[in-house]
Amino acid sequence: MTRKLIAATAVAAVFTIVAPARAQVTVEMAQISCKQFADYDDDAKAFVTAWMRGYYSATKNLSTVDERYVKRNTEKVLRYCKKLPKSSLMNAIQKNAR
């Protein structure tokens, strides 16, 4: 039993050392422009959209998410961003999200 535990610990230690380190990335959400957001890939858009939805729900003291509005708001924000690419994403959300 002790040999198996030592072997498992050794294997875990090797994988910890060999595993590539992931850099921690900090994003200043207020600095994202509409153009940057429009150019993001789908995964990045989904991440930013989820964060913004949570942020603005918290500012309105809401604890629920209505999926109908998520899709509608995302489409409205993207249309706004196409018209005003230099605008900040947070500004676009404040003006268009419901």
Protein backbone atom coordinates (compact mmCIF):
# COMPACT_ATOMS: atom_id res chain seq x y z
CA MET A 1 0.00 0.00 0.00
CA THR A 2 2.79 2.42 0.87
CA ARG A 3 4.62 1.68 -2.39
CA LYS A 4 1.49 2.50 -4.40
CA LEU A 5 1.05 5.76 -2.52
CA ILE A 6 4.69 6.73 -3.07
CA ALA A 7 4.46 5.79 -6.76
CA ALA A 8 1.26 7.79 -7.21
CA THR A 9 2.81 10.78 -5.46
CA ALA A 10 5.90 10.55 -7.69
CA VAL A 11 3.78 10.38 -10.84
CA ALA A 12 1.70 13.37 -9.71
CA ALA A 13 4.87 15.32 -8.97
CA VAL A 14 6.29 14.58 -12.43
CA PHE A 15 3.08 15.68 -14.15
CA THR A 16 3.02 18.85 -12.05
CA ILE A 17 6.57 19.70 -13.09
CA VAL A 18 6.09 18.75 -16.76
CA ALA A 19 2.66 20.36 -17.21
CA PRO A 20 2.92 23.70 -18.97
CA ALA A 21 2.33 26.67 -16.75
CA ARG A 22 -0.61 28.81 -17.72
CA ALA A 23 -0.13 32.52 -17.54
CA GLN A 24 -2.67 34.47 -15.59
CA VAL A 25 -4.30 37.02 -17.86
CA THR A 26 -5.88 40.20 -16.58
CA VAL A 27 -8.39 41.99 -18.77
CA GLU A 28 -9.53 45.53 -18.04
CA MET A 29 -13.15 45.16 -19.15
CA ALA A 30 -13.77 48.91 -19.29
CA GLN A 31 -11.01 49.22 -21.91
CA ILE A 32 -12.56 46.85 -24.46
CA SER A 33 -13.75 48.72 -27.54
CA CYS A 34 -16.64 47.65 -29.70
CA LYS A 35 -14.22 46.89 -32.54
CA GLN A 36 -12.14 44.63 -30.33
CA PHE A 37 -15.24 42.80 -29.16
CA ALA A 38 -16.53 42.35 -32.71
CA ASP A 39 -13.15 40.88 -33.73
CA TYR A 40 -13.06 38.32 -30.88
CA ASP A 41 -13.59 34.65 -31.67
CA ASP A 42 -16.80 33.01 -30.46
CA ASP A 43 -15.27 31.66 -27.24
CA ALA A 44 -13.90 35.05 -26.21
CA LYS A 45 -17.23 36.73 -27.05
CA ALA A 46 -19.06 34.19 -24.91
CA PHE A 47 -16.68 34.81 -22.00
CA VAL A 48 -16.95 38.60 -22.19
CA THR A 49 -20.72 38.44 -22.66
CA ALA A 50 -21.11 36.21 -19.61
CA TRP A 51 -18.97 38.52 -17.49
CA MET A 52 -20.83 41.63 -18.62
CA ARG A 53 -24.21 39.97 -18.06
CA GLY A 54 -23.21 39.12 -14.50
CA TYR A 55 -21.73 42.56 -13.89
CA TYR A 56 -24.79 44.48 -15.06
CA SER A 57 -27.20 42.09 -13.34
CA ALA A 58 -25.35 42.75 -10.10
CA THR A 59 -25.55 46.54 -10.58
CA LYS A 60 -29.34 46.16 -10.90
CA ASN A 61 -29.45 43.73 -7.97
CA LEU A 62 -30.88 40.96 -10.17
CA SER A 63 -30.22 37.34 -9.34
CA THR A 64 -31.86 35.72 -12.38
CA VAL A 65 -30.96 35.55 -16.05
CA ASP A 66 -33.61 35.44 -18.76
CA GLU A 67 -32.09 33.66 -21.75
CA ARG A 68 -34.40 35.50 -24.18
CA TYR A 69 -32.83 38.80 -23.20
CA VAL A 70 -29.28 37.47 -23.33
CA LYS A 71 -29.56 36.64 -27.04
CA ARG A 72 -31.50 39.83 -27.82
CA ASN A 73 -29.07 42.04 -25.91
CA THR A 74 -26.03 40.45 -27.52
CA GLU A 75 -27.46 41.04 -31.00
CA LYS A 76 -28.35 44.66 -30.16
CA VAL A 77 -24.90 45.33 -28.73
CA LEU A 78 -23.20 43.82 -31.80
CA ARG A 79 -25.32 46.01 -34.12
CA TYR A 80 -24.45 49.08 -32.03
CA CYS A 81 -20.77 48.14 -32.10
CA LYS A 82 -20.79 47.84 -35.90
CA LYS A 83 -22.16 51.39 -36.12
CA LEU A 84 -19.80 52.84 -33.48
CA PRO A 85 -16.63 50.68 -33.39
CA LYS A 86 -14.69 53.21 -31.29
CA SER A 87 -17.27 53.15 -28.50
CA SER A 88 -16.46 51.16 -25.37
CA LEU A 89 -18.20 47.83 -25.00
CA MET A 90 -19.45 48.77 -21.54
CA ASN A 91 -21.04 51.89 -22.97
CA ALA A 92 -22.68 49.85 -25.73
CA ILE A 93 -24.10 47.44 -23.17
CA GLN A 94 -25.38 50.20 -20.92
CA LYS A 95 -27.21 51.82 -23.82
CA ASN A 96 -28.63 48.64 -25.33
CA ALA A 97 -29.01 45.95 -22.71
CA ARG A 98 -32.27 45.44 -20.90
